[in-house]
Amino acid sequence: MSEELSNIYNKLYIDAIEKIKSDQYVIDHMIDSPLDKRYGLALIIKLDQHVKQQIQTFLSALHAIEPDQYYLPSSDIHITLLPIISCSADFDLNQIFAQDYIDLLRKNLSIEGKLEINFKGITASSSCIMIQGFPQQNILNELRNQLRTLFKTSSLRQTIEERYFLQTAHVTVVRFRKAFTAREEFLKLLEDYKDYDFGTMTVNEIELVYHDWYVREKIVKSLCRFKV
C-alpha cells in the first residue's frame, strides 16, 4: 500500500470531516437538474461484482441514516483512469471524431504486468464520500503517464490536467444532495468504515466513454472497451 497515497487520502478525510462538522460542506444542486449539460470524454475502469456488493452494503447502511443524499447505483460505480476532455457545457460528442481516439488507443494502450487495485477504507471531500483505491505496484501511474504523453503529443482535442492532476484511484460513492439531518450518526458510520477492506480486483478492461458529470450509465455512451 502506497504511503504517499495513504497520506493524500487521510488529509482529504480529515479536512472533509471538519467541514461536515462545521456545516461547511457543499451541497450539489446539479444532481437532479435537467439543465445540466456538462459532458466529457474519459477512460474509466468499472469495478467487479464482489467489490461493488461490498460497497453497496456500506451505502445501504448510510442510506438508512441519511436517505436524502445521492448514493451511486452499482452500475455507475467506477474509477476515472483519465479524463481526456473535462466535462463542460461547451463540449459535445459531435465536435470530435471518436474513431480517431479509438484507433490511437488500440495501437498504443498496453499494460506491463497485472493491474490490481485494493479498495480499503474511505475518504471524503467537502461534497462527497469516496472509497480509497490502492493500485498494487506502480502500474496505474505508469499507465496514466503513458496515456498523458500519448494524447498530449497527438493532434486530438484534449484537456488533460487542465482541471486537476489525477493521481489517486478513488471511487466516488456518495454525493451530498441535501442538508444533513442525522450528521453525528452518519459520521460515526464513516469512522466505522475508515479502514474497511472492500476487496481487491484485477483490471481486465478499460472503457472509453462520452459521459455526463456523474457518469450515469443511463446517460453514458460507451465508445469502445479495451481488453488489457
C-alpha atoms as a PDB file:
ATOM      1  CA  MET A   1       0.000   0.000   0.000  1.00  0.00           C
ATOM      2  CA  SER A   2       1.436   3.380  -1.020  1.00  0.00           C
ATOM      3  CA  GLU A   3       2.300   5.595   1.945  1.00  0.00           C
ATOM      4  CA  GLU A   4       2.071   8.666  -0.293  1.00  0.00           C
ATOM      5  CA  LEU A   5      -1.424   7.714  -1.432  1.00  0.00           C
ATOM      6  CA  SER A   6      -2.486   6.950   2.149  1.00  0.00           C
ATOM      7  CA  ASN A   7      -1.334  10.407   3.201  1.00  0.00           C
ATOM      8  CA  ILE A   8      -3.337  12.047   0.405  1.00  0.00           C
ATOM      9  CA  TYR A   9      -6.478  10.150   1.378  1.00  0.00           C
ATOM     10  CA  ASN A  10      -6.017  10.837   5.103  1.00  0.00           C
ATOM     11  CA  LYS A  11      -5.581  14.566   4.579  1.00  0.00           C
ATOM     12  CA  LEU A  12      -8.695  14.681   2.410  1.00  0.00           C
ATOM     13  CA  TYR A  13     -10.659  12.794   5.068  1.00  0.00           C
ATOM     14  CA  ILE A  14      -9.571  14.983   7.992  1.00  0.00           C
ATOM     15  CA  ASP A  15     -10.319  18.193   6.092  1.00  0.00           C
ATOM     16  CA  ALA A  16     -13.702  16.914   4.887  1.00  0.00           C
ATOM     17  CA  ILE A  17     -14.877  15.712   8.299  1.00  0.00           C
ATOM     18  CA  GLU A  18     -14.077  19.108   9.798  1.00  0.00           C
ATOM     19  CA  LYS A  19     -16.108  20.811   7.071  1.00  0.00           C
ATOM     20  CA  ILE A  20     -19.050  18.481   7.605  1.00  0.00           C
ATOM     21  CA  LYS A  21     -18.938  19.056  11.363  1.00  0.00           C
ATOM     22  CA  SER A  22     -18.854  22.842  10.909  1.00  0.00           C
ATOM     23  CA  ASP A  23     -21.572  22.994   8.218  1.00  0.00           C
ATOM     24  CA  GLN A  24     -19.078  23.987   5.537  1.00  0.00           C
ATOM     25  CA  TYR A  25     -19.846  21.015   3.315  1.00  0.00           C
ATOM     26  CA  VAL A  26     -21.021  21.583  -0.255  1.00  0.00           C
ATOM     27  CA  ILE A  27     -24.456  20.533  -1.489  1.00  0.00           C
ATOM     28  CA  ASP A  28     -24.548  19.556  -5.158  1.00  0.00           C
ATOM     29  CA  HIS A  29     -27.612  21.272  -6.600  1.00  0.00           C
ATOM     30  CA  MET A  30     -26.998  19.966 -10.121  1.00  0.00           C
ATOM     31  CA  ILE A  31     -27.618  16.260  -9.451  1.00  0.00           C
ATOM     32  CA  ASP A  32     -31.343  16.442 -10.183  1.00  0.00           C
ATOM     33  CA  SER A  33     -31.215  19.343 -12.623  1.00  0.00           C
ATOM     34  CA  PRO A  34     -32.485  18.693 -16.165  1.00  0.00           C
ATOM     35  CA  LEU A  35     -30.486  21.762 -17.206  1.00  0.00           C
ATOM     36  CA  ASP A  36     -27.117  20.131 -16.527  1.00  0.00           C
ATOM     37  CA  LYS A  37     -25.436  19.845 -19.922  1.00  0.00           C
ATOM     38  CA  ARG A  38     -21.865  19.117 -18.795  1.00  0.00           C
ATOM     39  CA  TYR A  39     -20.316  16.326 -20.846  1.00  0.00           C
ATOM     40  CA  GLY A  40     -16.827  14.952 -21.276  1.00  0.00           C
ATOM     41  CA  LEU A  41     -14.678  12.164 -22.687  1.00  0.00           C
ATOM     42  CA  ALA A  42     -12.835   9.774 -20.371  1.00  0.00           C
ATOM     43  CA  LEU A  43     -11.248   6.411 -19.863  1.00  0.00           C
ATOM     44  CA  ILE A  44     -12.844   4.600 -16.940  1.00  0.00           C
ATOM     45  CA  ILE A  45     -12.496   1.323 -15.061  1.00  0.00           C
ATOM     46  CA  LYS A  46     -15.625  -0.474 -13.871  1.00  0.00           C
ATOM     47  CA  LEU A  47     -15.410  -2.374 -10.584  1.00  0.00           C
ATOM     48  CA  ASP A  48     -16.033  -6.099 -10.352  1.00  0.00           C
ATOM     49  CA  GLN A  49     -19.189  -7.508  -8.804  1.00  0.00           C
ATOM     50  CA  HIS A  50     -17.684  -8.624  -5.497  1.00  0.00           C
ATOM     51  CA  VAL A  51     -16.264  -5.191  -4.695  1.00  0.00           C
ATOM     52  CA  LYS A  52     -19.495  -3.475  -5.746  1.00  0.00           C
ATOM     53  CA  GLN A  53     -21.512  -5.730  -3.458  1.00  0.00           C
ATOM     54  CA  GLN A  54     -19.312  -4.772  -0.514  1.00  0.00           C
ATOM     55  CA  ILE A  55     -19.709  -1.097  -1.377  1.00  0.00           C
ATOM     56  CA  GLN A  56     -23.488  -1.404  -1.669  1.00  0.00           C
ATOM     57  CA  THR A  57     -23.669  -2.903   1.825  1.00  0.00           C
ATOM     58  CA  PHE A  58     -21.874   0.198   3.100  1.00  0.00           C
ATOM     59  CA  LEU A  59     -24.131   2.516   1.095  1.00  0.00           C
ATOM     60  CA  SER A  60     -27.283   0.791   2.338  1.00  0.00           C
ATOM     61  CA  ALA A  61     -26.184   1.444   5.914  1.00  0.00           C
ATOM     62  CA  LEU A  62     -25.537   5.110   5.125  1.00  0.00           C
ATOM     63  CA  HIS A  63     -28.850   5.399   3.279  1.00  0.00           C
ATOM     64  CA  ALA A  64     -30.706   4.160   6.351  1.00  0.00           C
ATOM     65  CA  ILE A  65     -29.258   7.124   8.269  1.00  0.00           C
ATOM     66  CA  GLU A  66     -29.336   9.843   5.574  1.00  0.00           C
ATOM     67  CA  PRO A  67     -31.822   8.776   2.873  1.00  0.00           C
ATOM     68  CA  ASP A  68     -31.832  12.112   1.032  1.00  0.00           C
ATOM     69  CA  GLN A  69     -28.197  12.030  -0.052  1.00  0.00           C
ATOM     70  CA  TYR A  70     -27.252  10.762  -3.526  1.00  0.00           C
ATOM     71  CA  TYR A  71     -25.978   7.176  -3.471  1.00  0.00           C
ATOM     72  CA  LEU A  72     -24.454   5.832  -6.650  1.00  0.00           C
ATOM     73  CA  PRO A  73     -26.070   2.665  -8.014  1.00  0.00           C
ATOM     74  CA  SER A  74     -23.735  -0.246  -8.747  1.00  0.00           C
ATOM     75  CA  SER A  75     -23.986   0.461 -12.478  1.00  0.00           C
ATOM     76  CA  ASP A  76     -22.384   3.894 -12.039  1.00  0.00           C
ATOM     77  CA  ILE A  77     -19.507   2.982  -9.712  1.00  0.00           C
ATOM     78  CA  HIS A  78     -16.144   3.411 -11.448  1.00  0.00           C
ATOM     79  CA  ILE A  79     -12.598   4.722 -11.317  1.00  0.00           C
ATOM     80  CA  THR A  80     -11.666   7.521 -13.688  1.00  0.00           C
ATOM     81  CA  LEU A  81      -8.446   6.353 -15.294  1.00  0.00           C
ATOM     82  CA  LEU A  82      -8.013   9.570 -17.266  1.00  0.00           C
ATOM     83  CA  PRO A  83     -10.334  12.463 -18.163  1.00  0.00           C
ATOM     84  CA  ILE A  84      -9.367  13.156 -21.779  1.00  0.00           C
ATOM     85  CA  ILE A  85     -11.787  16.053 -22.276  1.00  0.00           C
ATOM     86  CA  SER A  86     -13.063  17.501 -18.999  1.00  0.00           C
ATOM     87  CA  CYS A  87     -16.804  17.900 -18.530  1.00  0.00           C
ATOM     88  CA  SER A  88     -18.111  21.150 -19.936  1.00  0.00           C
ATOM     89  CA  ALA A  89     -21.388  22.536 -21.225  1.00  0.00           C
ATOM     90  CA  ASP A  90     -19.409  23.572 -24.311  1.00  0.00           C
ATOM     91  CA  PHE A  91     -18.464  20.036 -25.325  1.00  0.00           C
ATOM     92  CA  ASP A  92     -20.488  17.665 -27.480  1.00  0.00           C
ATOM     93  CA  LEU A  93     -19.500  14.331 -28.982  1.00  0.00           C
ATOM     94  CA  ASN A  94     -20.300  15.641 -32.457  1.00  0.00           C
ATOM     95  CA  GLN A  95     -17.362  18.051 -32.139  1.00  0.00           C
ATOM     96  CA  ILE A  96     -14.812  15.231 -32.398  1.00  0.00           C
ATOM     97  CA  PHE A  97     -14.309  12.105 -34.475  1.00  0.00           C
ATOM     98  CA  ALA A  98     -14.450   9.383 -31.823  1.00  0.00           C
ATOM     99  CA  GLN A  99     -12.900   6.770 -34.098  1.00  0.00           C
ATOM    100  CA  ASP A 100      -9.614   8.704 -34.052  1.00  0.00           C
ATOM    101  CA  TYR A 101      -9.426   8.276 -30.274  1.00  0.00           C
ATOM    102  CA  ILE A 102     -10.320   4.599 -30.524  1.00  0.00           C
ATOM    103  CA  ASP A 103      -7.670   3.974 -33.187  1.00  0.00           C
ATOM    104  CA  LEU A 104      -4.992   5.776 -31.170  1.00  0.00           C
ATOM    105  CA  LEU A 105      -5.781   3.738 -28.076  1.00  0.00           C
ATOM    106  CA  ARG A 106      -5.958   0.434 -29.940  1.00  0.00           C
ATOM    107  CA  LYS A 107      -2.470   0.994 -31.299  1.00  0.00           C
ATOM    108  CA  ASN A 108      -0.880   2.198 -28.074  1.00  0.00           C
ATOM    109  CA  LEU A 109      -2.803   1.083 -24.978  1.00  0.00           C
ATOM    110  CA  SER A 110      -0.860  -1.590 -23.139  1.00  0.00           C
ATOM    111  CA  ILE A 111      -0.143  -2.674 -19.574  1.00  0.00           C
ATOM    112  CA  GLU A 112       3.067  -4.327 -18.434  1.00  0.00           C
ATOM    113  CA  GLY A 113       2.056  -6.789 -15.741  1.00  0.00           C
ATOM    114  CA  LYS A 114      -1.200  -7.324 -13.857  1.00  0.00           C
ATOM    115  CA  LEU A 115      -3.083  -4.223 -12.675  1.00  0.00           C
ATOM    116  CA  GLU A 116      -4.624  -4.997  -9.289  1.00  0.00           C
ATOM    117  CA  ILE A 117      -6.420  -2.467  -7.093  1.00  0.00           C
ATOM    118  CA  ASN A 118      -7.250  -2.955  -3.420  1.00  0.00           C
ATOM    119  CA  PHE A 119     -10.227  -0.943  -2.146  1.00  0.00           C
ATOM    120  CA  LYS A 120      -9.582  -0.352   1.527  1.00  0.00           C
ATOM    121  CA  GLY A 121     -11.108   2.317   3.705  1.00  0.00           C
ATOM    122  CA  ILE A 122     -12.928   5.511   2.874  1.00  0.00           C
ATOM    123  CA  THR A 123     -12.052   9.140   2.379  1.00  0.00           C
ATOM    124  CA  ALA A 124     -14.137  12.229   1.657  1.00  0.00           C
ATOM    125  CA  SER A 125     -14.242  15.748   0.299  1.00  0.00           C
ATOM    126  CA  SER A 126     -16.469  18.675   1.172  1.00  0.00           C
ATOM    127  CA  SER A 127     -19.089  17.351  -1.274  1.00  0.00           C
ATOM    128  CA  CYS A 128     -18.797  13.564  -1.374  1.00  0.00           C
ATOM    129  CA  ILE A 129     -17.717  10.262   0.154  1.00  0.00           C
ATOM    130  CA  MET A 130     -15.180   8.076  -1.650  1.00  0.00           C
ATOM    131  CA  ILE A 131     -13.762   4.578  -1.400  1.00  0.00           C
ATOM    132  CA  GLN A 132      -9.963   4.530  -1.246  1.00  0.00           C
ATOM    133  CA  GLY A 133      -8.296   2.626  -4.062  1.00  0.00           C
ATOM    134  CA  PHE A 134      -4.714   1.391  -3.761  1.00  0.00           C
ATOM    135  CA  PRO A 135      -3.151   0.135  -7.005  1.00  0.00           C
ATOM    136  CA  GLN A 136      -0.616  -2.619  -6.426  1.00  0.00           C
ATOM    137  CA  GLN A 137       2.915  -1.737  -7.572  1.00  0.00           C
ATOM    138  CA  ASN A 138       3.162   1.329  -9.817  1.00  0.00           C
ATOM    139  CA  ILE A 139       1.322   0.061 -12.877  1.00  0.00           C
ATOM    140  CA  LEU A 140      -1.598   2.529 -12.725  1.00  0.00           C
ATOM    141  CA  ASN A 141       0.689   5.575 -12.550  1.00  0.00           C
ATOM    142  CA  GLU A 142       2.780   4.234 -15.415  1.00  0.00           C
ATOM    143  CA  LEU A 143      -0.354   3.683 -17.495  1.00  0.00           C
ATOM    144  CA  ARG A 144      -1.645   7.183 -16.780  1.00  0.00           C
ATOM    145  CA  ASN A 145       1.689   8.733 -17.690  1.00  0.00           C
ATOM    146  CA  GLN A 146       1.760   6.710 -20.906  1.00  0.00           C
ATOM    147  CA  LEU A 147      -1.726   7.948 -21.809  1.00  0.00           C
ATOM    148  CA  ARG A 148      -0.960  11.564 -20.898  1.00  0.00           C
ATOM    149  CA  THR A 149       2.026  11.556 -23.218  1.00  0.00           C
ATOM    150  CA  LEU A 150       0.070   9.758 -25.927  1.00  0.00           C
ATOM    151  CA  PHE A 151      -2.704  12.345 -26.076  1.00  0.00           C
ATOM    152  CA  LYS A 152      -0.572  15.419 -25.479  1.00  0.00           C
ATOM    153  CA  THR A 153       1.700  14.507 -28.380  1.00  0.00           C
ATOM    154  CA  SER A 154      -1.242  13.769 -30.665  1.00  0.00           C
ATOM    155  CA  SER A 155      -3.287  16.279 -32.631  1.00  0.00           C
ATOM    156  CA  LEU A 156      -6.519  15.171 -30.958  1.00  0.00           C
ATOM    157  CA  ARG A 157      -8.551  17.518 -28.819  1.00  0.00           C
ATOM    158  CA  GLN A 158      -7.810  17.028 -25.113  1.00  0.00           C
ATOM    159  CA  THR A 159      -7.849  18.980 -21.852  1.00  0.00           C
ATOM    160  CA  ILE A 160      -5.749  16.582 -19.775  1.00  0.00           C
ATOM    161  CA  GLU A 161      -4.690  18.072 -16.426  1.00  0.00           C
ATOM    162  CA  GLU A 162      -6.268  21.461 -17.123  1.00  0.00           C
ATOM    163  CA  ARG A 163      -8.668  20.940 -14.203  1.00  0.00           C
ATOM    164  CA  TYR A 164      -6.608  18.759 -11.853  1.00  0.00           C
ATOM    165  CA  PHE A 165      -3.772  16.248 -11.837  1.00  0.00           C
ATOM    166  CA  LEU A 166      -5.262  12.825 -11.203  1.00  0.00           C
ATOM    167  CA  GLN A 167      -3.058  10.640  -9.010  1.00  0.00           C
ATOM    168  CA  THR A 168      -5.478   8.584  -6.902  1.00  0.00           C
ATOM    169  CA  ALA A 169      -7.666   5.558  -7.598  1.00  0.00           C
ATOM    170  CA  HIS A 170     -10.666   6.645  -5.563  1.00  0.00           C
ATOM    171  CA  VAL A 171     -14.281   5.751  -6.249  1.00  0.00           C
ATOM    172  CA  THR A 172     -16.953   8.369  -5.539  1.00  0.00           C
ATOM    173  CA  VAL A 173     -19.979   6.655  -3.983  1.00  0.00           C
ATOM    174  CA  VAL A 174     -22.000   9.374  -2.194  1.00  0.00           C
ATOM    175  CA  ARG A 175     -22.699  12.979  -3.144  1.00  0.00           C
ATOM    176  CA  PHE A 176     -24.258  15.468  -0.766  1.00  0.00           C
ATOM    177  CA  ARG A 177     -27.635  16.413  -2.186  1.00  0.00           C
ATOM    178  CA  LYS A 178     -29.404  17.772   0.908  1.00  0.00           C
ATOM    179  CA  ALA A 179     -28.516  19.214   4.305  1.00  0.00           C
ATOM    180  CA  PHE A 180     -27.684  16.534   6.863  1.00  0.00           C
ATOM    181  CA  THR A 181     -30.441  15.533   9.272  1.00  0.00           C
ATOM    182  CA  ALA A 182     -28.500  12.863  11.205  1.00  0.00           C
ATOM    183  CA  ARG A 183     -24.955  14.129  10.861  1.00  0.00           C
ATOM    184  CA  GLU A 184     -23.423  12.603  14.002  1.00  0.00           C
ATOM    185  CA  GLU A 185     -24.755   9.138  13.243  1.00  0.00           C
ATOM    186  CA  PHE A 186     -23.590   9.471   9.631  1.00  0.00           C
ATOM    187  CA  LEU A 187     -20.085  10.474  10.746  1.00  0.00           C
ATOM    188  CA  LYS A 188     -19.912   7.598  13.210  1.00  0.00           C
ATOM    189  CA  LEU A 189     -20.652   5.093  10.466  1.00  0.00           C
ATOM    190  CA  LEU A 190     -17.981   6.679   8.282  1.00  0.00           C
ATOM    191  CA  GLU A 191     -15.488   6.194  11.091  1.00  0.00           C
ATOM    192  CA  ASP A 192     -16.555   2.547  11.440  1.00  0.00           C
ATOM    193  CA  TYR A 193     -15.665   2.017   7.768  1.00  0.00           C
ATOM    194  CA  LYS A 194     -12.482   4.110   7.838  1.00  0.00           C
ATOM    195  CA  ASP A 195     -10.255   1.066   7.275  1.00  0.00           C
ATOM    196  CA  TYR A 196     -12.774  -1.456   5.954  1.00  0.00           C
ATOM    197  CA  ASP A 197     -11.463  -3.764   3.229  1.00  0.00           C
ATOM    198  CA  PHE A 198     -13.944  -3.793   0.333  1.00  0.00           C
ATOM    199  CA  GLY A 199     -11.852  -6.255  -1.656  1.00  0.00           C
ATOM    200  CA  THR A 200      -9.306  -6.437  -4.463  1.00  0.00           C
ATOM    201  CA  MET A 201      -9.879  -6.658  -8.198  1.00  0.00           C
ATOM    202  CA  THR A 202      -7.787  -7.247 -11.290  1.00  0.00           C
ATOM    203  CA  VAL A 203      -8.414  -4.770 -14.101  1.00  0.00           C
ATOM    204  CA  ASN A 204      -9.245  -6.642 -17.296  1.00  0.00           C
ATOM    205  CA  GLU A 205     -10.993  -3.906 -19.255  1.00  0.00           C
ATOM    206  CA  ILE A 206     -10.751  -0.158 -19.791  1.00  0.00           C
ATOM    207  CA  GLU A 207     -13.659   1.725 -21.327  1.00  0.00           C
ATOM    208  CA  LEU A 208     -13.710   4.907 -23.413  1.00  0.00           C
ATOM    209  CA  VAL A 209     -16.911   6.827 -22.672  1.00  0.00           C
ATOM    210  CA  TYR A 210     -18.738  10.013 -23.536  1.00  0.00           C
ATOM    211  CA  HIS A 211     -20.332  10.908 -20.225  1.00  0.00           C
ATOM    212  CA  ASP A 212     -22.233  13.367 -18.100  1.00  0.00           C
ATOM    213  CA  TRP A 213     -20.708  14.884 -14.936  1.00  0.00           C
ATOM    214  CA  TYR A 214     -21.887  11.958 -12.783  1.00  0.00           C
ATOM    215  CA  VAL A 215     -21.049   9.184 -15.273  1.00  0.00           C
ATOM    216  CA  ARG A 216     -24.566   7.757 -15.029  1.00  0.00           C
ATOM    217  CA  GLU A 217     -24.931   4.559 -17.033  1.00  0.00           C
ATOM    218  CA  LYS A 218     -28.335   5.626 -18.382  1.00  0.00           C
ATOM    219  CA  ILE A 219     -26.646   8.664 -19.973  1.00  0.00           C
ATOM    220  CA  VAL A 220     -23.127   7.386 -20.719  1.00  0.00           C
ATOM    221  CA  LYS A 221     -22.335   6.463 -24.315  1.00  0.00           C
ATOM    222  CA  SER A 222     -19.766   3.666 -24.411  1.00  0.00           C
ATOM    223  CA  LEU A 223     -17.444   4.219 -27.373  1.00  0.00           C
ATOM    224  CA  CYS A 224     -15.080   1.269 -27.005  1.00  0.00           C
ATOM    225  CA  ARG A 225     -13.908  -1.338 -24.486  1.00  0.00           C
ATOM    226  CA  PHE A 226     -10.255  -2.326 -24.464  1.00  0.00           C
ATOM    227  CA  LYS A 227      -9.128  -5.660 -23.020  1.00  0.00           C
ATOM    228  CA  VAL A 228      -5.902  -5.376 -21.025  1.00  0.00           C
END
